[in-house]
């Protein structure tokens, strides 16, 4: 499992859905993060590169979450 903002997100889910496992991030916020980082929302978490994961982490750090 990938870990973002202190939360383990499931590898087998689409990234747009997996990000909603983080408290404070809903589907619309998840879509905005992916649009900002230019990552396809249909990609699975297990298929993300380390570079993409870091971009998502940085974008989520800007948002106030748990």
PDB file of N, CA and C in Angstrom:
ATOM      1  N   UNK A   1       0.834  -1.193   0.000  1.00  0.00           N
ATOM      2  CA  UNK A   1       0.000   0.000   0.000  1.00  0.00           C
ATOM      3  C   UNK A   1       0.871   1.246   0.000  1.00  0.00           C
ATOM      4  N   UNK A   2       0.396   2.218  -0.732  1.00  0.00           N
ATOM      5  CA  UNK A   2       1.086   3.509  -0.760  1.00  0.00           C
ATOM      6  C   UNK A   2       0.654   4.317   0.462  1.00  0.00           C
ATOM      7  N   UNK A   3       1.524   5.172   0.913  1.00  0.00           N
ATOM      8  CA  UNK A   3       1.217   5.987   2.092  1.00  0.00           C
ATOM      9  C   UNK A   3       1.293   7.465   1.705  1.00  0.00           C
ATOM     10  N   UNK A   4       0.169   8.153   1.879  1.00  0.00           N
ATOM     11  CA  UNK A   4       0.095   9.586   1.583  1.00  0.00           C
ATOM     12  C   UNK A   4      -0.594  10.265   2.755  1.00  0.00           C
ATOM     13  N   UNK A   5      -0.020  11.330   3.240  1.00  0.00           N
ATOM     14  CA  UNK A   5      -0.566  12.106   4.367  1.00  0.00           C
ATOM     15  C   UNK A   5      -0.851  11.212   5.577  1.00  0.00           C
ATOM     16  N   UNK A   6       0.012  10.241   5.797  1.00  0.00           N
ATOM     17  CA  UNK A   6      -0.134   9.362   6.959  1.00  0.00           C
ATOM     18  C   UNK A   6      -1.213   8.310   6.827  1.00  0.00           C
ATOM     19  N   UNK A   7      -1.747   8.129   5.626  1.00  0.00           N
ATOM     20  CA  UNK A   7      -2.821   7.160   5.410  1.00  0.00           C
ATOM     21  C   UNK A   7      -2.394   6.168   4.340  1.00  0.00           C
ATOM     22  N   UNK A   8      -2.596   4.879   4.620  1.00  0.00           N
ATOM     23  CA  UNK A   8      -2.348   3.853   3.613  1.00  0.00           C
ATOM     24  C   UNK A   8      -3.509   3.857   2.635  1.00  0.00           C
ATOM     25  N   UNK A   9      -3.193   4.033   1.346  1.00  0.00           N
ATOM     26  CA  UNK A   9      -4.245   3.970   0.348  1.00  0.00           C
ATOM     27  C   UNK A   9      -4.106   2.678  -0.440  1.00  0.00           C
ATOM     28  N   UNK A  10      -5.234   2.064  -0.819  1.00  0.00           N
ATOM     29  CA  UNK A  10      -5.193   0.752  -1.473  1.00  0.00           C
ATOM     30  C   UNK A  10      -4.577   0.808  -2.870  1.00  0.00           C
ATOM     31  N   UNK A  11      -3.757  -0.187  -3.180  1.00  0.00           N
ATOM     32  CA  UNK A  11      -3.067  -0.251  -4.466  1.00  0.00           C
ATOM     33  C   UNK A  11      -3.972  -0.622  -5.629  1.00  0.00           C
ATOM     34  N   UNK A  12      -5.026  -1.360  -5.364  1.00  0.00           N
ATOM     35  CA  UNK A  12      -5.846  -1.894  -6.449  1.00  0.00           C
ATOM     36  C   UNK A  12      -6.961  -0.960  -6.902  1.00  0.00           C
ATOM     37  N   UNK A  13      -7.094   0.196  -6.274  1.00  0.00           N
ATOM     38  CA  UNK A  13      -8.131   1.164  -6.634  1.00  0.00           C
ATOM     39  C   UNK A  13      -7.582   2.193  -7.623  1.00  0.00           C
ATOM     40  N   UNK A  14      -8.511   2.814  -8.379  1.00  0.00           N
ATOM     41  CA  UNK A  14      -8.113   3.943  -9.216  1.00  0.00           C
ATOM     42  C   UNK A  14      -7.670   5.065  -8.287  1.00  0.00           C
ATOM     43  N   UNK A  15      -6.686   5.828  -8.710  1.00  0.00           N
ATOM     44  CA  UNK A  15      -6.090   6.842  -7.838  1.00  0.00           C
ATOM     45  C   UNK A  15      -7.112   7.894  -7.411  1.00  0.00           C
ATOM     46  N   UNK A  16      -8.060   8.236  -8.279  1.00  0.00           N
ATOM     47  CA  UNK A  16      -9.071   9.237  -7.929  1.00  0.00           C
ATOM     48  C   UNK A  16      -9.936   8.767  -6.757  1.00  0.00           C
ATOM     49  N   UNK A  17     -10.198   7.476  -6.656  1.00  0.00           N
ATOM     50  CA  UNK A  17     -10.977   6.910  -5.555  1.00  0.00           C
ATOM     51  C   UNK A  17     -10.089   6.674  -4.341  1.00  0.00           C
ATOM     52  N   UNK A  18      -8.873   6.196  -4.561  1.00  0.00           N
ATOM     53  CA  UNK A  18      -7.969   5.882  -3.457  1.00  0.00           C
ATOM     54  C   UNK A  18      -7.654   7.121  -2.619  1.00  0.00           C
ATOM     55  N   UNK A  19      -7.551   8.270  -3.248  1.00  0.00           N
ATOM     56  CA  UNK A  19      -7.236   9.494  -2.500  1.00  0.00           C
ATOM     57  C   UNK A  19      -8.356   9.883  -1.552  1.00  0.00           C
ATOM     58  N   UNK A  20      -9.577   9.436  -1.806  1.00  0.00           N
ATOM     59  CA  UNK A  20     -10.696   9.765  -0.915  1.00  0.00           C
ATOM     60  C   UNK A  20     -10.604   9.019   0.408  1.00  0.00           C
ATOM     61  N   UNK A  21      -9.700   8.056   0.526  1.00  0.00           N
ATOM     62  CA  UNK A  21      -9.474   7.362   1.793  1.00  0.00           C
ATOM     63  C   UNK A  21      -8.797   8.289   2.803  1.00  0.00           C
ATOM     64  N   UNK A  22      -8.244   9.391   2.330  1.00  0.00           N
ATOM     65  CA  UNK A  22      -7.602  10.367   3.203  1.00  0.00           C
ATOM     66  C   UNK A  22      -8.678  11.290   3.746  1.00  0.00           C
ATOM     67  N   UNK A  23      -8.758  11.400   5.061  1.00  0.00           N
ATOM     68  CA  UNK A  23      -9.755  12.257   5.688  1.00  0.00           C
ATOM     69  C   UNK A  23      -9.593  13.692   5.211  1.00  0.00           C
ATOM     70  N   UNK A  24     -10.674  14.287   4.737  1.00  0.00           N
ATOM     71  CA  UNK A  24     -10.638  15.661   4.273  1.00  0.00           C
ATOM     72  C   UNK A  24     -10.540  15.792   2.767  1.00  0.00           C
ATOM     73  N   UNK A  25     -10.399  14.662   2.071  1.00  0.00           N
ATOM     74  CA  UNK A  25     -10.324  14.699   0.614  1.00  0.00           C
ATOM     75  C   UNK A  25     -11.493  13.898   0.050  1.00  0.00           C
ATOM     76  N   UNK A  26     -12.336  14.599  -0.680  1.00  0.00           N
ATOM     77  CA  UNK A  26     -13.456  13.956  -1.360  1.00  0.00           C
ATOM     78  C   UNK A  26     -13.119  13.764  -2.826  1.00  0.00           C
ATOM     79  N   UNK A  27     -14.117  13.340  -3.590  1.00  0.00           N
ATOM     80  CA  UNK A  27     -13.875  13.067  -5.003  1.00  0.00           C
ATOM     81  C   UNK A  27     -13.484  14.335  -5.767  1.00  0.00           C
ATOM     82  N   UNK A  28     -14.145  15.452  -5.476  1.00  0.00           N
ATOM     83  CA  UNK A  28     -13.837  16.684  -6.218  1.00  0.00           C
ATOM     84  C   UNK A  28     -12.425  17.188  -5.897  1.00  0.00           C
ATOM     85  N   UNK A  29     -12.027  17.112  -4.636  1.00  0.00           N
ATOM     86  CA  UNK A  29     -10.671  17.523  -4.262  1.00  0.00           C
ATOM     87  C   UNK A  29      -9.644  16.584  -4.880  1.00  0.00           C
ATOM     88  N   UNK A  30      -9.967  15.304  -4.899  1.00  0.00           N
ATOM     89  CA  UNK A  30      -9.090  14.316  -5.513  1.00  0.00           C
ATOM     90  C   UNK A  30      -8.896  14.626  -6.997  1.00  0.00           C
ATOM     91  N   UNK A  31      -9.977  14.964  -7.673  1.00  0.00           N
ATOM     92  CA  UNK A  31      -9.892  15.301  -9.100  1.00  0.00           C
ATOM     93  C   UNK A  31      -9.045  16.554  -9.319  1.00  0.00           C
ATOM     94  N   UNK A  32      -9.176  17.546  -8.427  1.00  0.00           N
ATOM     95  CA  UNK A  32      -8.384  18.777  -8.543  1.00  0.00           C
ATOM     96  C   UNK A  32      -6.898  18.496  -8.357  1.00  0.00           C
ATOM     97  N   UNK A  33      -6.566  17.638  -7.390  1.00  0.00           N
ATOM     98  CA  UNK A  33      -5.162  17.276  -7.142  1.00  0.00           C
ATOM     99  C   UNK A  33      -4.580  16.599  -8.378  1.00  0.00           C
ATOM    100  N   UNK A  34      -5.330  15.677  -8.962  1.00  0.00           N
ATOM    101  CA  UNK A  34      -4.832  14.953 -10.132  1.00  0.00           C
ATOM    102  C   UNK A  34      -4.728  15.871 -11.352  1.00  0.00           C
ATOM    103  N   UNK A  35      -5.648  16.813 -11.479  1.00  0.00           N
ATOM    104  CA  UNK A  35      -5.583  17.773 -12.582  1.00  0.00           C
ATOM    105  C   UNK A  35      -4.355  18.661 -12.417  1.00  0.00           C
ATOM    106  N   UNK A  36      -4.099  19.091 -11.190  1.00  0.00           N
ATOM    107  CA  UNK A  36      -2.941  19.943 -10.897  1.00  0.00           C
ATOM    108  C   UNK A  36      -1.626  19.218 -11.194  1.00  0.00           C
ATOM    109  N   UNK A  37      -1.585  17.924 -10.883  1.00  0.00           N
ATOM    110  CA  UNK A  37      -0.355  17.151 -11.076  1.00  0.00           C
ATOM    111  C   UNK A  37      -0.280  16.493 -12.454  1.00  0.00           C
ATOM    112  N   UNK A  38      -1.351  16.682 -13.256  1.00  0.00           N
ATOM    113  CA  UNK A  38      -1.414  16.134 -14.629  1.00  0.00           C
ATOM    114  C   UNK A  38      -1.282  14.610 -14.641  1.00  0.00           C
ATOM    115  N   UNK A  39      -1.986  13.956 -13.705  1.00  0.00           N
ATOM    116  CA  UNK A  39      -1.997  12.494 -13.628  1.00  0.00           C
ATOM    117  C   UNK A  39      -3.390  12.014 -14.007  1.00  0.00           C
ATOM    118  N   UNK A  40      -3.458  10.998 -14.862  1.00  0.00           N
ATOM    119  CA  UNK A  40      -4.734  10.428 -15.289  1.00  0.00           C
ATOM    120  C   UNK A  40      -5.450   9.820 -14.093  1.00  0.00           C
ATOM    121  N   UNK A  41      -6.723  10.171 -13.908  1.00  0.00           N
ATOM    122  CA  UNK A  41      -7.457   9.685 -12.743  1.00  0.00           C
ATOM    123  C   UNK A  41      -7.829   8.210 -12.837  1.00  0.00           C
ATOM    124  N   UNK A  42      -7.704   7.617 -14.007  1.00  0.00           N
ATOM    125  CA  UNK A  42      -8.076   6.209 -14.170  1.00  0.00           C
ATOM    126  C   UNK A  42      -6.927   5.236 -13.902  1.00  0.00           C
ATOM    127  N   UNK A  43      -5.738   5.754 -13.685  1.00  0.00           N
ATOM    128  CA  UNK A  43      -4.591   4.894 -13.407  1.00  0.00           C
ATOM    129  C   UNK A  43      -4.731   4.288 -11.998  1.00  0.00           C
ATOM    130  N   UNK A  44      -4.263   3.075 -11.841  1.00  0.00           N
ATOM    131  CA  UNK A  44      -4.300   2.403 -10.534  1.00  0.00           C
ATOM    132  C   UNK A  44      -3.114   2.873  -9.690  1.00  0.00           C
ATOM    133  N   UNK A  45      -3.304   2.874  -8.391  1.00  0.00           N
ATOM    134  CA  UNK A  45      -2.252   3.327  -7.475  1.00  0.00           C
ATOM    135  C   UNK A  45      -0.977   2.510  -7.673  1.00  0.00           C
ATOM    136  N   UNK A  46      -1.120   1.196  -7.876  1.00  0.00           N
ATOM    137  CA  UNK A  46       0.059   0.335  -8.038  1.00  0.00           C
ATOM    138  C   UNK A  46       0.854   0.669  -9.296  1.00  0.00           C
ATOM    139  N   UNK A  47       0.232   1.363 -10.266  1.00  0.00           N
ATOM    140  CA  UNK A  47       0.908   1.708 -11.512  1.00  0.00           C
ATOM    141  C   UNK A  47       1.549   3.097 -11.486  1.00  0.00           C
ATOM    142  N   UNK A  48       1.401   3.822 -10.378  1.00  0.00           N
ATOM    143  CA  UNK A  48       2.005   5.149 -10.265  1.00  0.00           C
ATOM    144  C   UNK A  48       3.514   5.034 -10.071  1.00  0.00           C
ATOM    145  N   UNK A  49       4.243   5.932 -10.711  1.00  0.00           N
ATOM    146  CA  UNK A  49       5.694   5.967 -10.502  1.00  0.00           C
ATOM    147  C   UNK A  49       5.976   6.714  -9.200  1.00  0.00           C
ATOM    148  N   UNK A  50       7.177   6.585  -8.714  1.00  0.00           N
ATOM    149  CA  UNK A  50       7.572   7.292  -7.484  1.00  0.00           C
ATOM    150  C   UNK A  50       7.496   8.806  -7.700  1.00  0.00           C
ATOM    151  N   UNK A  51       7.826   9.238  -8.902  1.00  0.00           N
ATOM    152  CA  UNK A  51       7.757  10.649  -9.264  1.00  0.00           C
ATOM    153  C   UNK A  51       6.317  11.172  -9.153  1.00  0.00           C
ATOM    154  N   UNK A  52       5.358  10.383  -9.653  1.00  0.00           N
ATOM    155  CA  UNK A  52       3.950  10.770  -9.580  1.00  0.00           C
ATOM    156  C   UNK A  52       3.458  10.781  -8.130  1.00  0.00           C
ATOM    157  N   UNK A  53       3.881   9.798  -7.347  1.00  0.00           N
ATOM    158  CA  UNK A  53       3.483   9.744  -5.933  1.00  0.00           C
ATOM    159  C   UNK A  53       3.987  10.982  -5.192  1.00  0.00           C
ATOM    160  N   UNK A  54       5.214  11.377  -5.462  1.00  0.00           N
ATOM    161  CA  UNK A  54       5.776  12.563  -4.816  1.00  0.00           C
ATOM    162  C   UNK A  54       5.017  13.826  -5.219  1.00  0.00           C
ATOM    163  N   UNK A  55       4.603  13.911  -6.491  1.00  0.00           N
ATOM    164  CA  UNK A  55       3.835  15.069  -6.949  1.00  0.00           C
ATOM    165  C   UNK A  55       2.490  15.124  -6.229  1.00  0.00           C
ATOM    166  N   UNK A  56       1.849  13.974  -6.047  1.00  0.00           N
ATOM    167  CA  UNK A  56       0.571  13.917  -5.330  1.00  0.00           C
ATOM    168  C   UNK A  56       0.782  14.307  -3.871  1.00  0.00           C
ATOM    169  N   UNK A  57       1.829  13.796  -3.252  1.00  0.00           N
ATOM    170  CA  UNK A  57       2.113  14.138  -1.842  1.00  0.00           C
ATOM    171  C   UNK A  57       2.294  15.645  -1.672  1.00  0.00           C
ATOM    172  N   UNK A  58       3.044  16.269  -2.578  1.00  0.00           N
ATOM    173  CA  UNK A  58       3.278  17.715  -2.488  1.00  0.00           C
ATOM    174  C   UNK A  58       1.978  18.490  -2.648  1.00  0.00           C
ATOM    175  N   UNK A  59       1.130  18.063  -3.582  1.00  0.00           N
ATOM    176  CA  UNK A  59      -0.145  18.756  -3.812  1.00  0.00           C
ATOM    177  C   UNK A  59      -1.065  18.612  -2.602  1.00  0.00           C
ATOM    178  N   UNK A  60      -1.068  17.437  -1.973  1.00  0.00           N
ATOM    179  CA  UNK A  60      -1.929  17.210  -0.817  1.00  0.00           C
ATOM    180  C   UNK A  60      -1.394  17.942   0.414  1.00  0.00           C
ATOM    181  N   UNK A  61      -0.098  18.109   0.502  1.00  0.00           N
ATOM    182  CA  UNK A  61       0.478  18.861   1.623  1.00  0.00           C
ATOM    183  C   UNK A  61      -0.004  20.314   1.637  1.00  0.00           C
ATOM    184  N   UNK A  62      -0.354  20.840   0.457  1.00  0.00           N
ATOM    185  CA  UNK A  62      -0.851  22.208   0.360  1.00  0.00           C
ATOM    186  C   UNK A  62      -2.287  22.326   0.869  1.00  0.00           C
ATOM    187  N   UNK A  63      -2.997  21.190   0.860  1.00  0.00           N
ATOM    188  CA  UNK A  63      -4.399  21.170   1.289  1.00  0.00           C
ATOM    189  C   UNK A  63      -4.448  20.837   2.771  1.00  0.00           C
ATOM    190  N   UNK A  64      -5.369  21.448   3.469  1.00  0.00           N
ATOM    191  CA  UNK A  64      -5.504  21.168   4.895  1.00  0.00           C
ATOM    192  C   UNK A  64      -6.270  19.860   5.070  1.00  0.00           C
ATOM    193  N   UNK A  65      -5.567  18.823   5.536  1.00  0.00           N
ATOM    194  CA  UNK A  65      -6.184  17.529   5.823  1.00  0.00           C
ATOM    195  C   UNK A  65      -5.901  17.180   7.274  1.00  0.00           C
ATOM    196  N   UNK A  66      -6.474  16.093   7.725  1.00  0.00           N
ATOM    197  CA  UNK A  66      -6.374  15.649   9.127  1.00  0.00           C
ATOM    198  C   UNK A  66      -5.026  15.828   9.703  1.00  0.00           C
TER     199      UNK A  66
END
